[in-house]
Structures are given as structure tokens and as C-alpha cells.
């Protein structure tokens, strides 16, 4: 099949959406499908095996209003190319996040003249109004929703103070659009049963219209052998440190408690705003000497870091899946995670689960593992066994391709080999 894979932004080395695009495109191509990624910035970085298999990237340009280090910049007059640029700036000026809408409109324009080039269009969490134009142009359409961002909105509004609550609500105003578009797409995918339930509630989707296909991990890269040894007392957490949804503040409090009793260190794989809440909390807790931050690392470097830790932690308040949990388990690194969202479903009995928002319990369970080498070995081995049984990108691609055929049949294409 010839697949147009859409992603409004594709951080290549972190974030579920970017990782999903990077690995799914490669495995689809290795199965023999032709894949062209249409992505906004930041653009995906393809593995050599994906390039060799024929995966290509079409960059969908934007004004870069949400790109660091020039967040929310005002473009110069000569930068405006069309009415979509005007819409992007107007929405940004009114505190809204415009990318899902404007990316979808640009993608629809690019695809308009290319109906003969693709058998199916697969959207990755954009759910912008432009998708309806793609559908009207005759493209069979499928979409993946990792989790409903209504959860992010609820937590962001709750964490904001004063008038910033209005800004947080306005920022997430694109969710009304996503719900309307999701209800018009005949075939939806998600990554966990927990997300499926939440998506149906958040977007009013009928039962039977969402299929669950878990995410995967490269078990040859993420392995205990990725690091020469474990660093005593090292804890690793992969999360957006300043996003309330990720619960990093509770882990920082736990590290402060643990540090009063033993030698521990925390490595955060994240971009940390020096003026953001996590940086301020690190200073308030006086644990800057115990916390290091890294970002933008390759999969091999992340695997080495994961495999060097005594314990990995996912302290989230909600997760639609949690790739960091699976990556840690794949490295046989014992996992302490919160009992929320899809995490219990993903981790099963192969990790230690604690209540969300409970830094005391986090500290207690992390400390217990740090003090017990046999317990660490047992939990780590259980995690690796679970990953080998349930999670691989090849299986994700095969199941996804099977659902492309469902979309094609619904569109009147009876045999895939006619494409």
C-alpha cells in the first residue's frame, strides 16, 4: 500500500507522537509498503534502515511560532505567504495553539493534487479540519489518537493561577475541533484500552469505532547490555519536566526525601525551562547537585542511560500508553510508576505501581528497590519478559496495515493488491 503518514510535529527522540512516526514508518516500509511522511517542524529523523526501505519526508512549512527559542514571535510582513499564515498568527495572538488546524489545512492543500499517489492517509493525533477536506477529496482516512488531550487541559487549568487559567483553557481550544473531526473519521486507532475509554468519553465516539494497537520498542537497542554497568543510586525519568501531566514535581520531592537517607541521583531526560516550575522546585528542595538533565539524545544513548540506572520512574498523573515505561522494562531496569491511565495495563505485574501525586510512596518504593538487589533483578527480569511477549514495532506495523485494509474495504477497494 501507498501510505501518507501525517504528523503535525515529530520530535525525533522524545514524545510519543514523534517516536510513533519514526518507528511505524520504518516498519511499514520493511513490510513492503510505500510510506511518505508529511510533517511539520520539528521534523522526524529517519533511521538508515527506513531510508533504505524507501521512507521519505515531505516537510510541511509553517511560521514556526511555537518553536524554541523564539516562542510566540511576531512574523515580519514579508513572511506571510497565504491566508493560512494569517490564521496561524491570529490564533497565536489570541493565546490559542494553532498548529493542529493550520498543519491540517496545509497538508490538505499538498495532497489535493496527489490523489493518485496514495491508497490511504494516516493522521497522527492532528485531527484538524483539513482532514475533512482530505476525506472529501476521496482519500481513505484513518487516525491515531494517543490519548485525549482533554486530560492535559484539565491539569493545565488546575495548575494555572489567576488569569492564567483562562490562557490555559484558550490554549487547548483546538480540542473542540479535534472532537468534531474524530467523530467524522470512520476508523480510529489508539494505543491502550484505557485511552480508548477516555477518547470515547472525551470526544463522544461510539463503541466499536476505535481499535487498540499498543506501541512498541526496539528490543535490540533497548536492552540491559546497552550499558556496561549499573550506576548505584541512579534514577532515570523520561518526561516533559514542566508539564503538570507528567508529575515530575512529585518525583523531585521523592528524590529530596531519599537524598536525606542515602546517595541517590536523578537523571531527567527532558528540556528544562530554567525559569519553569521544575527548575524552581529543584532549587527550593536544594537538590540541584543530585539532578542532571539531558535532552535531544539518540535512541542508543537513551538505552544506555536507561540500562545504567538502578531504577526508572514514571511519576505521571495520566498516560495514554507510556513509551518510557516500556523502554525501561526492555532494558531490564526495575520500574516504579504511578497507577493511573494506561500504566497498569502496560506494566501489568512487571513493575511497582504507586498512587499518583504521592511523593512519600514514590520515595518508599524507590528506596526499597535501591536497598534490595534481588528485588531489582526480579522486577527488571519481569519487565523484559513482558516487553518481549507483547511489544514490538514490527507487530504494531503489521496490525496497523491490517486496519488500512479495513479502511480500503470501506472505501470500496476490494483487494489491496489492486492499489
Protein backbone atom coordinates (compact mmCIF):
# COMPACT_ATOMS: atom_id res chain seq x y z
CA UNK A 1 0.00 0.00 0.00
CA UNK A 2 0.98 3.61 -0.55
CA UNK A 3 0.65 5.48 2.74
CA UNK A 4 0.66 9.21 3.50
CA UNK A 5 1.52 9.48 7.22
CA UNK A 6 0.64 12.88 8.71
CA UNK A 7 2.20 14.32 11.87
CA UNK A 8 1.87 18.00 12.81
CA UNK A 9 5.13 17.84 14.78
CA UNK A 10 7.53 14.93 15.12
CA UNK A 11 10.15 15.35 17.84
CA UNK A 12 12.50 12.59 16.75
CA UNK A 13 13.88 11.36 20.08
CA UNK A 14 11.21 12.06 22.67
CA UNK A 15 7.46 12.38 22.86
CA UNK A 16 5.10 9.59 21.91
CA UNK A 17 3.95 11.14 18.63
CA UNK A 18 7.43 11.61 17.14
CA UNK A 19 8.62 8.18 18.24
CA UNK A 20 5.47 6.63 16.78
CA UNK A 21 6.01 8.21 13.36
CA UNK A 22 9.69 7.35 13.26
CA UNK A 23 9.30 3.66 14.06
CA UNK A 24 5.94 2.95 12.44
CA UNK A 25 7.09 4.38 9.10
CA UNK A 26 10.22 2.22 9.14
CA UNK A 27 8.42 -1.00 9.98
CA UNK A 28 5.66 -0.37 7.43
CA UNK A 29 8.33 0.13 4.76
CA UNK A 30 10.15 -3.03 5.84
CA UNK A 31 6.84 -4.88 5.36
CA UNK A 32 6.85 -3.67 1.76
CA UNK A 33 4.57 -0.64 1.97
CA UNK A 34 5.46 2.74 0.46
CA UNK A 35 5.46 5.48 3.12
CA UNK A 36 5.73 9.25 2.74
CA UNK A 37 5.67 11.29 5.95
CA UNK A 38 4.11 14.75 5.85
CA UNK A 39 5.33 16.56 8.97
CA UNK A 40 5.54 19.99 10.47
CA UNK A 41 8.61 21.07 12.43
CA UNK A 42 10.35 19.58 14.31
CA UNK A 43 10.77 17.07 11.53
CA UNK A 44 11.40 13.33 12.01
CA UNK A 45 14.90 11.94 11.65
CA UNK A 46 14.78 8.63 9.80
CA UNK A 47 16.84 5.57 10.63
CA UNK A 48 19.12 4.43 7.82
CA UNK A 49 17.07 1.27 7.54
CA UNK A 50 13.95 3.41 6.95
CA UNK A 51 15.73 5.42 4.26
CA UNK A 52 16.97 2.23 2.63
CA UNK A 53 13.41 0.88 2.68
CA UNK A 54 12.18 3.97 0.84
CA UNK A 55 10.55 6.11 3.55
CA UNK A 56 10.54 9.80 2.54
CA UNK A 57 9.71 13.01 4.40
CA UNK A 58 7.80 15.94 2.94
CA UNK A 59 8.32 18.98 5.15
CA UNK A 60 5.15 20.99 5.67
CA UNK A 61 6.35 24.56 6.32
CA UNK A 62 4.86 26.79 9.00
CA UNK A 63 5.75 30.15 10.51
CA UNK A 64 7.46 28.45 13.46
CA UNK A 65 5.51 30.44 16.03
CA UNK A 66 5.77 27.68 18.63
CA UNK A 67 9.42 26.75 18.06
CA UNK A 68 12.20 27.40 20.55
CA UNK A 69 14.00 29.66 21.13
CA UNK A 70 11.59 32.16 19.51
CA UNK A 71 8.29 31.09 21.02
CA UNK A 72 5.29 33.25 20.07
CA UNK A 73 7.30 35.52 17.82
CA UNK A 74 5.57 38.02 15.51
CA UNK A 75 6.46 37.33 11.85
CA UNK A 76 7.72 40.08 9.56
CA UNK A 77 5.23 41.15 6.85
CA UNK A 78 7.24 39.51 4.07
CA UNK A 79 6.97 36.12 5.81
CA UNK A 80 3.23 35.87 5.17
CA UNK A 81 2.55 33.57 2.22
CA UNK A 82 -1.20 32.99 2.31
CA UNK A 83 -4.38 33.12 4.39
CA UNK A 84 -3.35 30.09 6.45
CA UNK A 85 -0.39 32.06 7.78
CA UNK A 86 -2.76 34.87 8.77
CA UNK A 87 -4.98 32.37 10.64
CA UNK A 88 -1.93 30.93 12.41
CA UNK A 89 -0.80 34.33 13.65
CA UNK A 90 -4.31 35.44 14.64
CA UNK A 91 -4.85 32.31 16.73
CA UNK A 92 -1.42 32.68 18.35
CA UNK A 93 -2.18 36.33 19.22
CA UNK A 94 -5.38 35.19 20.96
CA UNK A 95 -3.46 32.58 23.05
CA UNK A 96 -4.64 29.55 21.05
CA UNK A 97 -2.48 26.68 19.81
CA UNK A 98 -2.92 26.83 16.04
CA UNK A 99 -0.69 24.02 14.77
CA UNK A 100 -3.22 21.15 14.55
CA UNK A 101 -5.55 23.31 12.45
CA UNK A 102 -3.01 25.05 10.23
CA UNK A 103 -0.94 21.90 9.64
CA UNK A 104 -4.05 20.02 8.54
CA UNK A 105 -5.00 22.81 6.12
CA UNK A 106 -1.52 22.86 4.61
CA UNK A 107 -1.42 19.06 4.36
CA UNK A 108 -4.80 19.06 2.62
CA UNK A 109 -3.51 21.57 0.10
CA UNK A 110 -0.40 19.47 -0.58
CA UNK A 111 -2.42 16.28 -1.01
CA UNK A 112 -5.14 17.81 -3.18
CA UNK A 113 -3.30 17.12 -6.43
CA UNK A 114 -1.88 13.77 -5.32
CA UNK A 115 -4.94 11.53 -5.05
CA UNK A 116 -3.36 9.02 -7.45
CA UNK A 117 -0.21 8.74 -5.28
CA UNK A 118 -1.70 7.25 -2.12
CA UNK A 119 -4.07 4.47 -1.13
CA UNK A 120 -4.59 5.64 2.45
CA UNK A 121 -3.90 8.71 4.60
CA UNK A 122 -2.98 8.06 8.24
CA UNK A 123 -3.22 11.02 10.61
CA UNK A 124 -1.20 11.03 13.83
CA UNK A 125 -3.16 12.97 16.52
CA UNK A 126 -3.64 16.15 14.43
CA UNK A 127 -7.41 15.87 13.92
CA UNK A 128 -7.60 19.26 12.21
CA UNK A 129 -10.40 20.45 9.94
CA UNK A 130 -8.13 19.98 6.92
CA UNK A 131 -8.59 16.22 7.32
CA UNK A 132 -12.22 16.62 6.31
CA UNK A 133 -11.01 18.23 3.09
CA UNK A 134 -8.69 15.28 2.53
CA UNK A 135 -11.66 12.98 3.07
CA UNK A 136 -13.80 14.96 0.60
CA UNK A 137 -11.00 14.64 -1.98
CA UNK A 138 -11.59 10.88 -1.91
CA UNK A 139 -8.70 9.69 0.27
CA UNK A 140 -9.44 6.74 2.57
CA UNK A 141 -8.60 8.10 6.03
CA UNK A 142 -7.54 6.62 9.37
CA UNK A 143 -6.31 8.41 12.50
CA UNK A 144 -4.36 7.51 15.63
CA UNK A 145 -5.27 9.26 18.88
CA UNK A 146 -2.66 8.54 21.54
CA UNK A 147 -4.82 9.97 24.30
CA UNK A 148 -7.42 12.74 24.54
CA UNK A 149 -5.65 15.99 25.34
CA UNK A 150 -8.65 16.92 27.44
CA UNK A 151 -6.64 15.37 30.31
CA UNK A 152 -3.76 17.76 29.63
CA UNK A 153 -6.19 20.70 29.58
CA UNK A 154 -7.78 19.75 32.91
CA UNK A 155 -4.41 19.50 34.66
CA UNK A 156 -3.00 22.64 32.99
CA UNK A 157 -6.02 24.71 34.04
CA UNK A 158 -5.85 23.32 37.57
CA UNK A 159 -2.13 24.13 37.86
CA UNK A 160 -2.51 27.68 36.50
CA UNK A 161 -3.23 30.63 38.79
CA UNK A 162 -5.43 33.67 38.32
CA UNK A 163 -5.92 34.87 34.76
CA UNK A 164 -3.51 32.20 33.52
CA UNK A 165 -6.37 29.72 33.92
CA UNK A 166 -8.14 31.48 31.05
CA UNK A 167 -4.98 31.30 28.94
CA UNK A 168 -4.59 27.59 29.68
CA UNK A 169 -8.17 26.95 28.61
CA UNK A 170 -7.78 29.06 25.47
CA UNK A 171 -4.54 27.26 24.54
CA UNK A 172 -6.45 23.98 24.44
CA UNK A 173 -9.38 25.40 22.44
CA UNK A 174 -8.38 23.17 19.48
CA UNK A 175 -9.91 20.24 21.38
CA UNK A 176 -13.43 21.14 20.21
CA UNK A 177 -12.17 20.82 16.63
CA UNK A 178 -10.47 17.52 17.37
CA UNK A 179 -13.68 16.07 18.77
CA UNK A 180 -15.71 17.14 15.73
CA UNK A 181 -13.15 15.73 13.31
CA UNK A 182 -12.70 12.47 15.24
CA UNK A 183 -16.43 11.81 15.01
CA UNK A 184 -16.22 12.12 11.20
CA UNK A 185 -13.30 9.71 10.69
CA UNK A 186 -14.59 6.16 10.16
CA UNK A 187 -11.59 4.25 11.56
CA UNK A 188 -9.68 5.33 14.67
CA UNK A 189 -6.69 3.72 16.39
CA UNK A 190 -5.37 4.22 19.89
CA UNK A 191 -2.60 2.72 21.98
CA UNK A 192 -4.35 1.28 25.04
CA UNK A 193 -7.75 0.21 26.27
CA UNK A 194 -7.58 2.95 28.88
CA UNK A 195 -7.11 5.56 26.15
CA UNK A 196 -9.95 4.01 24.16
CA UNK A 197 -12.36 4.52 27.06
CA UNK A 198 -11.14 8.08 27.67
CA UNK A 199 -11.34 9.03 23.99
CA UNK A 200 -14.89 7.74 23.68
CA UNK A 201 -15.92 9.81 26.70
CA UNK A 202 -13.99 12.95 25.76
CA UNK A 203 -14.95 13.02 22.07
CA UNK A 204 -18.31 11.24 22.22
CA UNK A 205 -17.20 8.38 19.97
CA UNK A 206 -19.49 5.38 19.57
CA UNK A 207 -18.37 1.96 20.78
CA UNK A 208 -16.74 -0.20 18.15
CA UNK A 209 -15.13 2.67 16.21
CA UNK A 210 -11.76 2.61 18.00
CA UNK A 211 -9.20 -0.20 17.74
CA UNK A 212 -6.39 -0.60 20.28
CA UNK A 213 -2.88 -1.34 18.98
CA UNK A 214 -0.17 -0.93 21.67
CA UNK A 215 3.06 0.88 20.87
CA UNK A 216 6.38 -0.91 20.53
CA UNK A 217 10.05 -0.72 21.41
CA UNK A 218 13.24 -1.74 19.62
CA UNK A 219 14.26 -4.66 21.82
CA UNK A 220 17.67 -4.91 20.15
CA UNK A 221 18.54 -1.33 21.12
CA UNK A 222 16.79 -1.14 24.48
CA UNK A 223 18.50 -3.96 26.34
CA UNK A 224 20.38 -4.40 29.62
CA UNK A 225 23.57 -4.77 27.57
CA UNK A 226 23.24 -1.17 26.32
CA UNK A 227 25.29 0.00 29.34
CA UNK A 228 28.47 -1.55 30.75
CA UNK A 229 27.18 -1.40 34.33
CA UNK A 230 24.51 -0.01 36.64
CA UNK A 231 25.31 3.22 38.47
CA UNK A 232 24.46 2.74 42.18
CA UNK A 233 21.64 5.02 43.28
CA UNK A 234 20.86 6.34 39.79
CA UNK A 235 17.19 7.00 38.98
CA UNK A 236 16.11 7.84 35.43
CA UNK A 237 12.93 9.58 34.34
CA UNK A 238 11.93 10.46 30.77
CA UNK A 239 9.25 13.17 30.86
CA UNK A 240 8.36 16.73 29.91
CA UNK A 241 9.53 18.18 33.21
CA UNK A 242 7.34 21.30 33.19
CA UNK A 243 4.12 19.61 32.02
CA UNK A 244 1.83 19.11 35.05
CA UNK A 245 0.51 15.89 33.49
CA UNK A 246 3.91 14.21 33.90
CA UNK A 247 4.05 14.56 37.69
CA UNK A 248 7.79 15.34 37.82
CA UNK A 249 7.33 17.56 40.89
CA UNK A 250 6.35 14.51 42.95
CA UNK A 251 9.47 12.64 41.83
CA UNK A 252 11.65 15.63 42.74
CA UNK A 253 10.11 15.65 46.21
CA UNK A 254 10.75 11.91 46.47
CA UNK A 255 14.40 12.40 45.47
CA UNK A 256 14.76 15.05 48.18
CA UNK A 257 13.37 12.60 50.76
CA UNK A 258 15.64 9.79 49.54
CA UNK A 259 18.67 12.08 49.49
CA UNK A 260 18.33 12.67 53.20
CA UNK A 261 18.95 8.96 53.81
CA UNK A 262 21.25 7.67 51.05
CA UNK A 263 23.28 8.56 47.97
CA UNK A 264 20.89 8.96 45.04
CA UNK A 265 20.93 10.84 41.78
CA UNK A 266 18.19 11.62 39.27
CA UNK A 267 18.73 11.96 35.53
CA UNK A 268 15.85 13.72 33.80
CA UNK A 269 15.58 13.21 30.06
CA UNK A 270 13.80 16.43 29.28
CA UNK A 271 14.14 20.03 28.20
CA UNK A 272 14.08 22.06 31.40
CA UNK A 273 12.97 25.68 31.35
CA UNK A 274 15.43 27.47 33.67
CA UNK A 275 12.57 29.69 34.83
CA UNK A 276 9.96 26.94 34.87
CA UNK A 277 8.31 25.23 37.86
CA UNK A 278 10.61 22.18 37.91
CA UNK A 279 13.81 24.25 37.95
CA UNK A 280 12.39 26.38 40.76
CA UNK A 281 11.37 23.32 42.75
CA UNK A 282 14.84 21.79 42.34
CA UNK A 283 16.29 24.93 43.94
CA UNK A 284 13.64 25.05 46.67
CA UNK A 285 14.40 21.43 47.58
CA UNK A 286 18.17 22.07 47.42
CA UNK A 287 18.77 19.02 45.21
CA UNK A 288 20.49 20.63 42.24
CA UNK A 289 23.61 18.56 42.99
CA UNK A 290 21.52 15.40 42.72
CA UNK A 291 19.65 16.21 39.48
CA UNK A 292 21.09 16.21 35.97
CA UNK A 293 19.16 16.99 32.80
CA UNK A 294 19.81 15.71 29.26
CA UNK A 295 17.83 16.19 26.06
CA UNK A 296 17.97 15.51 22.33
CA UNK A 297 19.74 12.17 22.69
CA UNK A 298 19.62 9.31 20.20
CA UNK A 299 17.88 6.02 20.96
CA UNK A 300 21.22 4.27 21.62
CA UNK A 301 22.17 6.96 24.16
CA UNK A 302 18.77 6.78 25.82
CA UNK A 303 19.03 3.00 26.03
CA UNK A 304 22.48 3.27 27.59
CA UNK A 305 21.15 5.73 30.15
CA UNK A 306 18.15 3.53 30.94
CA UNK A 307 20.33 0.45 31.28
CA UNK A 308 22.76 2.27 33.60
CA UNK A 309 20.06 3.09 36.17
CA UNK A 310 19.21 1.15 39.28
CA UNK A 311 15.58 2.31 38.97
CA UNK A 312 13.43 4.01 36.34
CA UNK A 313 10.42 6.10 37.30
CA UNK A 314 7.25 7.24 35.52
CA UNK A 315 5.50 9.59 38.01
CA UNK A 316 2.74 10.74 35.62
CA UNK A 317 -0.73 11.85 36.66
CA UNK A 318 -2.06 10.28 33.45
CA UNK A 319 -0.65 8.36 30.49
CA UNK A 320 -2.35 7.09 27.36
CA UNK A 321 0.41 4.49 27.00
CA UNK A 322 3.93 5.43 28.29
CA UNK A 323 6.79 4.54 25.98
CA UNK A 324 9.35 5.39 28.69
CA UNK A 325 7.87 2.63 30.85
CA UNK A 326 8.23 0.08 28.05
CA UNK A 327 11.76 1.28 27.20
CA UNK A 328 12.83 0.91 30.83
CA UNK A 329 11.33 -2.58 31.07
CA UNK A 330 13.05 -3.55 27.83
CA UNK A 331 16.38 -2.59 29.45
CA UNK A 332 15.58 -4.83 32.46
CA UNK A 333 15.59 -1.69 34.59
CA UNK A 334 13.17 -2.06 37.52
CA UNK A 335 10.28 0.37 37.12
CA UNK A 336 8.35 2.38 39.68
CA UNK A 337 5.32 4.03 38.09
CA UNK A 338 2.00 5.54 39.04
CA UNK A 339 -1.23 3.56 39.00
CA UNK A 340 -3.08 5.80 36.56
CA UNK A 341 -4.36 5.89 32.99
CA UNK A 342 -2.93 3.10 30.85
CA UNK A 343 0.14 2.45 33.01
CA UNK A 344 -1.29 -0.55 34.91
CA UNK A 345 -2.41 -2.04 31.58
CA UNK A 346 1.04 -1.51 30.03
CA UNK A 347 3.14 -2.58 33.01
CA UNK A 348 1.00 -5.41 34.35
CA UNK A 349 2.76 -7.14 37.24
CA UNK A 350 6.20 -6.37 35.80
CA UNK A 351 6.75 -3.17 37.77
CA UNK A 352 5.97 -1.47 41.08
CA UNK A 353 2.87 0.74 40.96
CA UNK A 354 2.10 3.56 43.41
CA UNK A 355 -0.74 6.08 43.68
CA UNK A 356 -0.30 9.29 41.64
CA UNK A 357 0.54 12.55 43.46
CA UNK A 358 2.17 10.62 46.34
CA UNK A 359 5.83 11.59 46.73
CA UNK A 360 6.06 9.70 50.02
CA UNK A 361 5.05 6.41 48.42
CA UNK A 362 7.34 7.07 45.43
CA UNK A 363 10.26 7.57 47.79
CA UNK A 364 9.34 4.47 49.79
CA UNK A 365 9.18 2.11 46.79
CA UNK A 366 12.22 3.54 45.01
CA UNK A 367 14.16 3.28 48.25
CA UNK A 368 13.04 -0.31 48.76
CA UNK A 369 14.36 -1.29 45.35
CA UNK A 370 17.61 0.62 45.82
CA UNK A 371 18.18 -1.32 49.04
CA UNK A 372 17.38 -4.77 47.60
CA UNK A 373 19.48 -6.07 44.69
CA UNK A 374 17.46 -9.28 44.42
CA UNK A 375 14.20 -7.33 44.16
CA UNK A 376 15.71 -5.12 41.44
CA UNK A 377 16.79 -8.16 39.47
CA UNK A 378 13.38 -9.82 39.80
CA UNK A 379 11.38 -6.74 38.73
CA UNK A 380 13.81 -5.97 35.90
CA UNK A 381 13.63 -9.52 34.51
CA UNK A 382 9.82 -9.47 34.65
CA UNK A 383 9.78 -6.21 32.70
CA UNK A 384 12.00 -7.56 29.93
CA UNK A 385 9.91 -10.72 29.64
CA UNK A 386 6.71 -8.67 29.32
CA UNK A 387 8.20 -6.49 26.57
CA UNK A 388 9.38 -9.49 24.57
CA UNK A 389 5.91 -11.01 24.78
CA UNK A 390 3.73 -8.00 24.00
CA UNK A 391 5.59 -5.02 22.48
CA UNK A 392 7.46 -4.75 19.18
CA UNK A 393 7.29 -2.21 16.37
CA UNK A 394 7.05 -4.93 13.72
CA UNK A 395 3.84 -6.20 15.33
CA UNK A 396 2.48 -2.64 15.59
CA UNK A 397 3.10 -2.07 11.87
CA UNK A 398 1.51 -5.37 10.84
CA UNK A 399 -1.63 -4.69 12.88
CA UNK A 400 -1.82 -1.11 11.60
CA UNK A 401 -1.54 -2.25 7.97
CA UNK A 402 -4.38 -4.69 8.59
CA UNK A 403 -6.56 -1.76 9.60
CA UNK A 404 -5.56 0.15 6.48
CA UNK A 405 -7.22 -2.70 4.61
CA UNK A 406 -10.37 -2.17 6.69
CA UNK A 407 -10.41 1.46 5.59
CA UNK A 408 -9.84 0.49 1.96
CA UNK A 409 -12.68 -2.02 2.03
CA UNK A 410 -14.99 0.62 3.48
CA UNK A 411 -13.94 2.94 0.65
CA UNK A 412 -14.80 0.32 -1.94
CA UNK A 413 -11.33 -1.13 -2.63
CA UNK A 414 -11.86 -4.88 -2.51
CA UNK A 415 -8.31 -6.16 -2.94
CA UNK A 416 -5.23 -4.49 -1.55
CA UNK A 417 -3.12 -5.70 -4.50
CA UNK A 418 -5.26 -3.54 -6.80
CA UNK A 419 -3.61 -0.50 -5.23
